[in-house]
PDB file of N, CA and C in Angstrom:
ATOM      1  N   UNK A   1     -13.280 -14.901 -17.001  1.00  0.00           N
ATOM      2  CA  UNK A   1     -12.523 -16.084 -17.379  1.00  0.00           C
ATOM      3  C   UNK A   1     -11.283 -16.184 -16.498  1.00  0.00           C
ATOM      4  N   UNK A   2     -10.998 -17.342 -16.002  1.00  0.00           N
ATOM      5  CA  UNK A   2      -9.846 -17.543 -15.114  1.00  0.00           C
ATOM      6  C   UNK A   2      -8.550 -17.474 -15.900  1.00  0.00           C
ATOM      7  N   UNK A   3      -7.525 -17.015 -15.240  1.00  0.00           N
ATOM      8  CA  UNK A   3      -6.196 -16.977 -15.824  1.00  0.00           C
ATOM      9  C   UNK A   3      -5.725 -18.406 -16.046  1.00  0.00           C
ATOM     10  N   UNK A   4      -4.883 -18.649 -17.053  1.00  0.00           N
ATOM     11  CA  UNK A   4      -4.374 -20.014 -17.259  1.00  0.00           C
ATOM     12  C   UNK A   4      -3.507 -20.490 -16.096  1.00  0.00           C
ATOM     13  N   UNK A   5      -3.063 -19.551 -15.245  1.00  0.00           N
ATOM     14  CA  UNK A   5      -2.199 -19.899 -14.125  1.00  0.00           C
ATOM     15  C   UNK A   5      -2.975 -20.115 -12.830  1.00  0.00           C
ATOM     16  N   UNK A   6      -4.248 -19.716 -12.805  1.00  0.00           N
ATOM     17  CA  UNK A   6      -5.048 -19.849 -11.604  1.00  0.00           C
ATOM     18  C   UNK A   6      -6.236 -20.759 -11.880  1.00  0.00           C
ATOM     19  N   UNK A   7      -6.545 -21.639 -10.940  1.00  0.00           N
ATOM     20  CA  UNK A   7      -7.715 -22.488 -11.158  1.00  0.00           C
ATOM     21  C   UNK A   7      -8.999 -21.659 -11.087  1.00  0.00           C
ATOM     22  N   UNK A   8      -9.995 -22.070 -11.837  1.00  0.00           N
ATOM     23  CA  UNK A   8     -11.271 -21.377 -11.829  1.00  0.00           C
ATOM     24  C   UNK A   8     -11.972 -21.651 -10.515  1.00  0.00           C
ATOM     25  N   UNK A   9     -12.573 -20.611  -9.932  1.00  0.00           N
ATOM     26  CA  UNK A   9     -13.323 -20.759  -8.701  1.00  0.00           C
ATOM     27  C   UNK A   9     -14.777 -20.466  -8.986  1.00  0.00           C
ATOM     28  N   UNK A  10     -15.633 -21.384  -8.615  1.00  0.00           N
ATOM     29  CA  UNK A  10     -17.070 -21.192  -8.775  1.00  0.00           C
ATOM     30  C   UNK A  10     -17.502 -20.061  -7.843  1.00  0.00           C
ATOM     31  N   UNK A  11     -18.187 -19.014  -8.345  1.00  0.00           N
ATOM     32  CA  UNK A  11     -18.595 -17.912  -7.481  1.00  0.00           C
ATOM     33  C   UNK A  11     -19.434 -18.359  -6.282  1.00  0.00           C
ATOM     34  N   UNK A  12     -20.142 -19.461  -6.404  1.00  0.00           N
ATOM     35  CA  UNK A  12     -20.939 -19.969  -5.279  1.00  0.00           C
ATOM     36  C   UNK A  12     -20.060 -20.505  -4.160  1.00  0.00           C
ATOM     37  N   UNK A  13     -18.792 -20.767  -4.439  1.00  0.00           N
ATOM     38  CA  UNK A  13     -17.879 -21.305  -3.427  1.00  0.00           C
ATOM     39  C   UNK A  13     -17.061 -20.225  -2.722  1.00  0.00           C
ATOM     40  N   UNK A  14     -17.193 -18.968  -3.115  1.00  0.00           N
ATOM     41  CA  UNK A  14     -16.401 -17.915  -2.490  1.00  0.00           C
ATOM     42  C   UNK A  14     -16.967 -17.579  -1.112  1.00  0.00           C
ATOM     43  N   UNK A  15     -16.106 -17.171  -0.172  1.00  0.00           N
ATOM     44  CA  UNK A  15     -16.602 -16.851   1.176  1.00  0.00           C
ATOM     45  C   UNK A  15     -17.461 -15.590   1.165  1.00  0.00           C
ATOM     46  N   UNK A  16     -18.385 -15.515   2.106  1.00  0.00           N
ATOM     47  CA  UNK A  16     -19.217 -14.324   2.228  1.00  0.00           C
ATOM     48  C   UNK A  16     -18.409 -13.187   2.827  1.00  0.00           C
ATOM     49  N   UNK A  17     -18.760 -11.961   2.426  1.00  0.00           N
ATOM     50  CA  UNK A  17     -18.098 -10.780   2.955  1.00  0.00           C
ATOM     51  C   UNK A  17     -18.546 -10.530   4.388  1.00  0.00           C
ATOM     52  N   UNK A  18     -17.629 -10.005   5.186  1.00  0.00           N
ATOM     53  CA  UNK A  18     -17.972  -9.616   6.554  1.00  0.00           C
ATOM     54  C   UNK A  18     -18.521  -8.188   6.532  1.00  0.00           C
ATOM     55  N   UNK A  19     -19.153  -7.777   7.625  1.00  0.00           N
ATOM     56  CA  UNK A  19     -19.654  -6.401   7.727  1.00  0.00           C
ATOM     57  C   UNK A  19     -18.503  -5.408   7.579  1.00  0.00           C
ATOM     58  N   UNK A  20     -17.340  -5.744   8.154  1.00  0.00           N
ATOM     59  CA  UNK A  20     -16.174  -4.861   8.068  1.00  0.00           C
ATOM     60  C   UNK A  20     -15.729  -4.696   6.618  1.00  0.00           C
ATOM     61  N   UNK A  21     -15.746  -5.768   5.835  1.00  0.00           N
ATOM     62  CA  UNK A  21     -15.353  -5.670   4.424  1.00  0.00           C
ATOM     63  C   UNK A  21     -16.331  -4.780   3.655  1.00  0.00           C
ATOM     64  N   UNK A  22     -17.622  -4.898   3.948  1.00  0.00           N
ATOM     65  CA  UNK A  22     -18.600  -4.035   3.285  1.00  0.00           C
ATOM     66  C   UNK A  22     -18.374  -2.567   3.653  1.00  0.00           C
ATOM     67  N   UNK A  23     -18.032  -2.289   4.920  1.00  0.00           N
ATOM     68  CA  UNK A  23     -17.785  -0.912   5.352  1.00  0.00           C
ATOM     69  C   UNK A  23     -16.585  -0.303   4.628  1.00  0.00           C
ATOM     70  N   UNK A  24     -15.565  -1.117   4.301  1.00  0.00           N
ATOM     71  CA  UNK A  24     -14.344  -0.612   3.664  1.00  0.00           C
ATOM     72  C   UNK A  24     -14.407  -0.627   2.144  1.00  0.00           C
ATOM     73  N   UNK A  25     -15.415  -1.271   1.566  1.00  0.00           N
ATOM     74  CA  UNK A  25     -15.487  -1.427   0.112  1.00  0.00           C
ATOM     75  C   UNK A  25     -15.835  -0.107  -0.584  1.00  0.00           C
ATOM     76  N   UNK A  26     -15.375   0.029  -1.819  1.00  0.00           N
ATOM     77  CA  UNK A  26     -15.753   1.182  -2.641  1.00  0.00           C
ATOM     78  C   UNK A  26     -17.234   1.071  -2.968  1.00  0.00           C
ATOM     79  N   UNK A  27     -17.881   2.221  -3.051  1.00  0.00           N
ATOM     80  CA  UNK A  27     -19.300   2.261  -3.396  1.00  0.00           C
ATOM     81  C   UNK A  27     -19.436   2.998  -4.720  1.00  0.00           C
ATOM     82  N   UNK A  28     -20.060   2.339  -5.676  1.00  0.00           N
ATOM     83  CA  UNK A  28     -20.268   2.902  -7.007  1.00  0.00           C
ATOM     84  C   UNK A  28     -21.765   2.999  -7.273  1.00  0.00           C
ATOM     85  N   UNK A  29     -22.158   4.023  -8.020  1.00  0.00           N
ATOM     86  CA  UNK A  29     -23.516   4.126  -8.545  1.00  0.00           C
ATOM     87  C   UNK A  29     -23.348   4.248 -10.047  1.00  0.00           C
ATOM     88  N   UNK A  30     -23.540   3.152 -10.738  1.00  0.00           N
ATOM     89  CA  UNK A  30     -23.249   3.130 -12.168  1.00  0.00           C
ATOM     90  C   UNK A  30     -21.764   3.338 -12.381  1.00  0.00           C
ATOM     91  N   UNK A  31     -21.404   4.340 -13.168  1.00  0.00           N
ATOM     92  CA  UNK A  31     -19.995   4.651 -13.438  1.00  0.00           C
ATOM     93  C   UNK A  31     -19.418   5.679 -12.466  1.00  0.00           C
ATOM     94  N   UNK A  32     -20.214   6.131 -11.491  1.00  0.00           N
ATOM     95  CA  UNK A  32     -19.769   7.182 -10.573  1.00  0.00           C
ATOM     96  C   UNK A  32     -19.345   6.586  -9.232  1.00  0.00           C
ATOM     97  N   UNK A  33     -18.095   6.900  -8.826  1.00  0.00           N
ATOM     98  CA  UNK A  33     -17.586   6.461  -7.533  1.00  0.00           C
ATOM     99  C   UNK A  33     -18.175   7.361  -6.458  1.00  0.00           C
ATOM    100  N   UNK A  34     -18.928   6.771  -5.545  1.00  0.00           N
ATOM    101  CA  UNK A  34     -19.553   7.514  -4.458  1.00  0.00           C
ATOM    102  C   UNK A  34     -18.610   7.601  -3.261  1.00  0.00           C
ATOM    103  N   UNK A  35     -17.965   6.469  -2.932  1.00  0.00           N
ATOM    104  CA  UNK A  35     -17.024   6.438  -1.806  1.00  0.00           C
ATOM    105  C   UNK A  35     -15.886   5.486  -2.165  1.00  0.00           C
ATOM    106  N   UNK A  36     -14.610   5.964  -2.108  1.00  0.00           N
ATOM    107  CA  UNK A  36     -13.488   5.071  -2.423  1.00  0.00           C
ATOM    108  C   UNK A  36     -13.298   4.023  -1.326  1.00  0.00           C
ATOM    109  N   UNK A  37     -12.649   2.938  -1.678  1.00  0.00           N
ATOM    110  CA  UNK A  37     -12.355   1.877  -0.718  1.00  0.00           C
ATOM    111  C   UNK A  37     -11.374   2.387   0.324  1.00  0.00           C
ATOM    112  N   UNK A  38     -11.470   1.821   1.511  1.00  0.00           N
ATOM    113  CA  UNK A  38     -10.568   2.155   2.610  1.00  0.00           C
ATOM    114  C   UNK A  38      -9.813   0.884   2.969  1.00  0.00           C
ATOM    115  N   UNK A  39      -8.580   0.757   2.520  1.00  0.00           N
ATOM    116  CA  UNK A  39      -7.808  -0.452   2.778  1.00  0.00           C
ATOM    117  C   UNK A  39      -8.092  -1.497   1.711  1.00  0.00           C
ATOM    118  N   UNK A  40      -8.020  -2.747   2.112  1.00  0.00           N
ATOM    119  CA  UNK A  40      -8.281  -3.857   1.201  1.00  0.00           C
ATOM    120  C   UNK A  40      -9.399  -4.699   1.788  1.00  0.00           C
ATOM    121  N   UNK A  41      -9.762  -5.743   1.094  1.00  0.00           N
ATOM    122  CA  UNK A  41     -10.825  -6.602   1.620  1.00  0.00           C
ATOM    123  C   UNK A  41     -10.375  -7.408   2.826  1.00  0.00           C
ATOM    124  N   UNK A  42      -9.070  -7.532   3.029  1.00  0.00           N
ATOM    125  CA  UNK A  42      -8.583  -8.352   4.139  1.00  0.00           C
ATOM    126  C   UNK A  42      -8.018  -7.547   5.292  1.00  0.00           C
ATOM    127  N   UNK A  43      -7.706  -6.278   5.078  1.00  0.00           N
ATOM    128  CA  UNK A  43      -7.189  -5.482   6.198  1.00  0.00           C
ATOM    129  C   UNK A  43      -7.469  -4.006   5.949  1.00  0.00           C
ATOM    130  N   UNK A  44      -7.652  -3.249   7.025  1.00  0.00           N
ATOM    131  CA  UNK A  44      -7.926  -1.815   6.869  1.00  0.00           C
ATOM    132  C   UNK A  44      -6.727  -1.066   6.293  1.00  0.00           C
ATOM    133  N   UNK A  45      -6.980   0.112   5.778  1.00  0.00           N
ATOM    134  CA  UNK A  45      -5.909   0.950   5.263  1.00  0.00           C
ATOM    135  C   UNK A  45      -5.133   1.588   6.400  1.00  0.00           C
ATOM    136  N   UNK A  46      -4.109   2.309   6.037  1.00  0.00           N
ATOM    137  CA  UNK A  46      -3.296   3.003   7.037  1.00  0.00           C
ATOM    138  C   UNK A  46      -4.104   4.134   7.665  1.00  0.00           C
ATOM    139  N   UNK A  47      -3.819   4.416   8.929  1.00  0.00           N
ATOM    140  CA  UNK A  47      -4.460   5.594   9.526  1.00  0.00           C
ATOM    141  C   UNK A  47      -3.935   6.860   8.851  1.00  0.00           C
ATOM    142  N   UNK A  48      -4.771   7.878   8.793  1.00  0.00           N
ATOM    143  CA  UNK A  48      -4.367   9.148   8.180  1.00  0.00           C
ATOM    144  C   UNK A  48      -3.293   9.799   9.038  1.00  0.00           C
ATOM    145  N   UNK A  49      -2.239  10.291   8.392  1.00  0.00           N
ATOM    146  CA  UNK A  49      -1.121  10.925   9.088  1.00  0.00           C
ATOM    147  C   UNK A  49      -1.302  12.441   9.112  1.00  0.00           C
ATOM    148  N   UNK A  50      -0.887  13.069  10.222  1.00  0.00           N
ATOM    149  CA  UNK A  50      -0.899  14.526  10.302  1.00  0.00           C
ATOM    150  C   UNK A  50       0.199  15.133   9.434  1.00  0.00           C
ATOM    151  N   UNK A  51       1.247  14.346   9.167  1.00  0.00           N
ATOM    152  CA  UNK A  51       2.373  14.813   8.375  1.00  0.00           C
ATOM    153  C   UNK A  51       2.731  13.738   7.350  1.00  0.00           C
ATOM    154  N   UNK A  52       1.885  13.556   6.308  1.00  0.00           N
ATOM    155  CA  UNK A  52       2.131  12.464   5.363  1.00  0.00           C
ATOM    156  C   UNK A  52       3.401  12.673   4.550  1.00  0.00           C
ATOM    157  N   UNK A  53       4.051  11.576   4.201  1.00  0.00           N
ATOM    158  CA  UNK A  53       5.248  11.643   3.357  1.00  0.00           C
ATOM    159  C   UNK A  53       4.821  11.937   1.922  1.00  0.00           C
ATOM    160  N   UNK A  54       5.716  12.554   1.186  1.00  0.00           N
ATOM    161  CA  UNK A  54       5.462  12.912  -0.204  1.00  0.00           C
ATOM    162  C   UNK A  54       6.206  11.948  -1.119  1.00  0.00           C
ATOM    163  N   UNK A  55       5.528  11.480  -2.144  1.00  0.00           N
ATOM    164  CA  UNK A  55       6.192  10.612  -3.116  1.00  0.00           C
ATOM    165  C   UNK A  55       6.987  11.485  -4.085  1.00  0.00           C
ATOM    166  N   UNK A  56       8.241  11.082  -4.333  1.00  0.00           N
ATOM    167  CA  UNK A  56       9.111  11.816  -5.245  1.00  0.00           C
ATOM    168  C   UNK A  56       9.855  10.828  -6.135  1.00  0.00           C
ATOM    169  N   UNK A  57      10.439  11.367  -7.190  1.00  0.00           N
ATOM    170  CA  UNK A  57      11.354  10.590  -8.007  1.00  0.00           C
ATOM    171  C   UNK A  57      12.752  11.062  -7.642  1.00  0.00           C
ATOM    172  N   UNK A  58      13.611  10.121  -7.320  1.00  0.00           N
ATOM    173  CA  UNK A  58      14.946  10.454  -6.845  1.00  0.00           C
ATOM    174  C   UNK A  58      15.955   9.527  -7.503  1.00  0.00           C
ATOM    175  N   UNK A  59      17.028  10.075  -8.017  1.00  0.00           N
ATOM    176  CA  UNK A  59      18.079   9.246  -8.623  1.00  0.00           C
ATOM    177  C   UNK A  59      19.194   9.054  -7.610  1.00  0.00           C
ATOM    178  N   UNK A  60      19.507   7.796  -7.336  1.00  0.00           N
ATOM    179  CA  UNK A  60      20.565   7.451  -6.388  1.00  0.00           C
ATOM    180  C   UNK A  60      21.611   6.607  -7.085  1.00  0.00           C
ATOM    181  N   UNK A  61      22.828   6.648  -6.568  1.00  0.00           N
ATOM    182  CA  UNK A  61      23.869   5.764  -7.095  1.00  0.00           C
ATOM    183  C   UNK A  61      23.418   4.322  -6.905  1.00  0.00           C
ATOM    184  N   UNK A  62      23.781   3.469  -7.845  1.00  0.00           N
ATOM    185  CA  UNK A  62      23.411   2.052  -7.774  1.00  0.00           C
ATOM    186  C   UNK A  62      23.890   1.425  -6.471  1.00  0.00           C
ATOM    187  N   UNK A  63      25.116   1.748  -6.067  1.00  0.00           N
ATOM    188  CA  UNK A  63      25.669   1.155  -4.845  1.00  0.00           C
ATOM    189  C   UNK A  63      24.862   1.565  -3.612  1.00  0.00           C
ATOM    190  N   UNK A  64      24.408   2.821  -3.580  1.00  0.00           N
ATOM    191  CA  UNK A  64      23.598   3.292  -2.448  1.00  0.00           C
ATOM    192  C   UNK A  64      22.274   2.539  -2.422  1.00  0.00           C
ATOM    193  N   UNK A  65      21.611   2.461  -3.554  1.00  0.00           N
ATOM    194  CA  UNK A  65      20.325   1.778  -3.642  1.00  0.00           C
ATOM    195  C   UNK A  65      20.456   0.300  -3.277  1.00  0.00           C
ATOM    196  N   UNK A  66      21.444  -0.366  -3.849  1.00  0.00           N
ATOM    197  CA  UNK A  66      21.644  -1.790  -3.555  1.00  0.00           C
ATOM    198  C   UNK A  66      21.981  -2.001  -2.084  1.00  0.00           C
ATOM    199  N   UNK A  67      22.778  -1.090  -1.511  1.00  0.00           N
ATOM    200  CA  UNK A  67      23.137  -1.200  -0.104  1.00  0.00           C
ATOM    201  C   UNK A  67      21.920  -1.099   0.804  1.00  0.00           C
ATOM    202  N   UNK A  68      21.041  -0.142   0.543  1.00  0.00           N
ATOM    203  CA  UNK A  68      19.841  -0.007   1.372  1.00  0.00           C
ATOM    204  C   UNK A  68      18.883  -1.170   1.140  1.00  0.00           C
ATOM    205  N   UNK A  69      18.697  -1.579  -0.110  1.00  0.00           N
ATOM    206  CA  UNK A  69      17.797  -2.712  -0.378  1.00  0.00           C
ATOM    207  C   UNK A  69      18.293  -3.985   0.306  1.00  0.00           C
ATOM    208  N   UNK A  70      19.599  -4.138   0.402  1.00  0.00           N
ATOM    209  CA  UNK A  70      20.178  -5.337   1.025  1.00  0.00           C
ATOM    210  C   UNK A  70      19.874  -5.409   2.521  1.00  0.00           C
ATOM    211  N   UNK A  71      19.475  -4.279   3.109  1.00  0.00           N
ATOM    212  CA  UNK A  71      19.158  -4.278   4.543  1.00  0.00           C
ATOM    213  C   UNK A  71      17.771  -4.847   4.822  1.00  0.00           C
ATOM    214  N   UNK A  72      17.020  -5.170   3.763  1.00  0.00           N
ATOM    215  CA  UNK A  72      15.725  -5.829   3.939  1.00  0.00           C
ATOM    216  C   UNK A  72      14.545  -4.875   3.934  1.00  0.00           C
ATOM    217  N   UNK A  73      13.363  -5.411   4.264  1.00  0.00           N
ATOM    218  CA  UNK A  73      12.145  -4.597   4.255  1.00  0.00           C
ATOM    219  C   UNK A  73      12.311  -3.355   5.133  1.00  0.00           C
ATOM    220  N   UNK A  74      11.729  -2.261   4.674  1.00  0.00           N
ATOM    221  CA  UNK A  74      11.831  -1.003   5.401  1.00  0.00           C
ATOM    222  C   UNK A  74      12.991  -0.139   4.939  1.00  0.00           C
ATOM    223  N   UNK A  75      13.649  -0.540   3.857  1.00  0.00           N
ATOM    224  CA  UNK A  75      14.837   0.187   3.410  1.00  0.00           C
ATOM    225  C   UNK A  75      14.504   1.621   3.023  1.00  0.00           C
ATOM    226  N   UNK A  76      13.297   1.876   2.484  1.00  0.00           N
ATOM    227  CA  UNK A  76      12.942   3.249   2.118  1.00  0.00           C
ATOM    228  C   UNK A  76      12.865   4.128   3.365  1.00  0.00           C
ATOM    229  N   UNK A  77      12.301   3.585   4.438  1.00  0.00           N
ATOM    230  CA  UNK A  77      12.214   4.344   5.689  1.00  0.00           C
ATOM    231  C   UNK A  77      13.599   4.618   6.262  1.00  0.00           C
ATOM    232  N   UNK A  78      14.522   3.677   6.077  1.00  0.00           N
ATOM    233  CA  UNK A  78      15.891   3.893   6.563  1.00  0.00           C
ATOM    234  C   UNK A  78      16.591   4.995   5.762  1.00  0.00           C
ATOM    235  N   UNK A  79      16.302   5.073   4.464  1.00  0.00           N
ATOM    236  CA  UNK A  79      16.862   6.179   3.674  1.00  0.00           C
ATOM    237  C   UNK A  79      16.327   7.497   4.229  1.00  0.00           C
ATOM    238  N   UNK A  80      15.028   7.562   4.500  1.00  0.00           N
ATOM    239  CA  UNK A  80      14.426   8.765   5.058  1.00  0.00           C
ATOM    240  C   UNK A  80      15.084   9.130   6.390  1.00  0.00           C
ATOM    241  N   UNK A  81      15.306   8.136   7.245  1.00  0.00           N
ATOM    242  CA  UNK A  81      15.931   8.377   8.557  1.00  0.00           C
ATOM    243  C   UNK A  81      17.349   8.926   8.386  1.00  0.00           C
ATOM    244  N   UNK A  82      18.103   8.382   7.456  1.00  0.00           N
ATOM    245  CA  UNK A  82      19.477   8.860   7.229  1.00  0.00           C
ATOM    246  C   UNK A  82      19.484  10.291   6.693  1.00  0.00           C
ATOM    247  N   UNK A  83      18.551  10.621   5.826  1.00  0.00           N
ATOM    248  CA  UNK A  83      18.463  11.984   5.316  1.00  0.00           C
ATOM    249  C   UNK A  83      18.074  12.954   6.438  1.00  0.00           C
ATOM    250  N   UNK A  84      17.176  12.530   7.325  1.00  0.00           N
ATOM    251  CA  UNK A  84      16.807  13.371   8.475  1.00  0.00           C
ATOM    252  C   UNK A  84      18.027  13.616   9.372  1.00  0.00           C
ATOM    253  N   UNK A  85      18.832  12.553   9.585  1.00  0.00           N
ATOM    254  CA  UNK A  85      20.052  12.714  10.393  1.00  0.00           C
ATOM    255  C   UNK A  85      21.006  13.708   9.740  1.00  0.00           C
ATOM    256  N   UNK A  86      21.200  13.564   8.432  1.00  0.00           N
ATOM    257  CA  UNK A  86      22.121  14.450   7.719  1.00  0.00           C
ATOM    258  C   UNK A  86      21.673  15.907   7.809  1.00  0.00           C
ATOM    259  N   UNK A  87      20.372  16.142   7.858  1.00  0.00           N
ATOM    260  CA  UNK A  87      19.837  17.504   7.951  1.00  0.00           C
ATOM    261  C   UNK A  87      19.616  17.955   9.395  1.00  0.00           C
ATOM    262  N   UNK A  88      19.948  17.068  10.345  1.00  0.00           N
ATOM    263  CA  UNK A  88      19.787  17.343  11.763  1.00  0.00           C
ATOM    264  C   UNK A  88      18.347  17.718  12.129  1.00  0.00           C
ATOM    265  N   UNK A  89      17.390  16.937  11.565  1.00  0.00           N
ATOM    266  CA  UNK A  89      15.973  17.140  11.848  1.00  0.00           C
ATOM    267  C   UNK A  89      15.563  16.243  12.998  1.00  0.00           C
ATOM    268  N   UNK A  90      14.661  16.735  13.832  1.00  0.00           N
ATOM    269  CA  UNK A  90      14.165  15.917  14.944  1.00  0.00           C
ATOM    270  C   UNK A  90      13.195  14.878  14.411  1.00  0.00           C
ATOM    271  N   UNK A  91      13.122  13.742  15.115  1.00  0.00           N
ATOM    272  CA  UNK A  91      12.180  12.673  14.728  1.00  0.00           C
ATOM    273  C   UNK A  91      10.771  13.055  15.048  1.00  0.00           C
TER     274      UNK A  91
END
């Protein structure tokens, strides 16, 4: 059932999937996930990193958080860069 905020789309009117979308799609056999999706239906996922970042919970002063957010998209990466500078770590 369509959301009250979105118009209903007839399934016969949806675009066909490309070969690339099928390659990236999750594969299920009944309730068992055989292969997870890689990316989204419109773009591939990120390449695997040799040194992936770790997700953490961190409490920051409101002024610090607001200041970094005000710098626009990429503010989390800028926080990481500033912490690397403070620790004198190489890029």
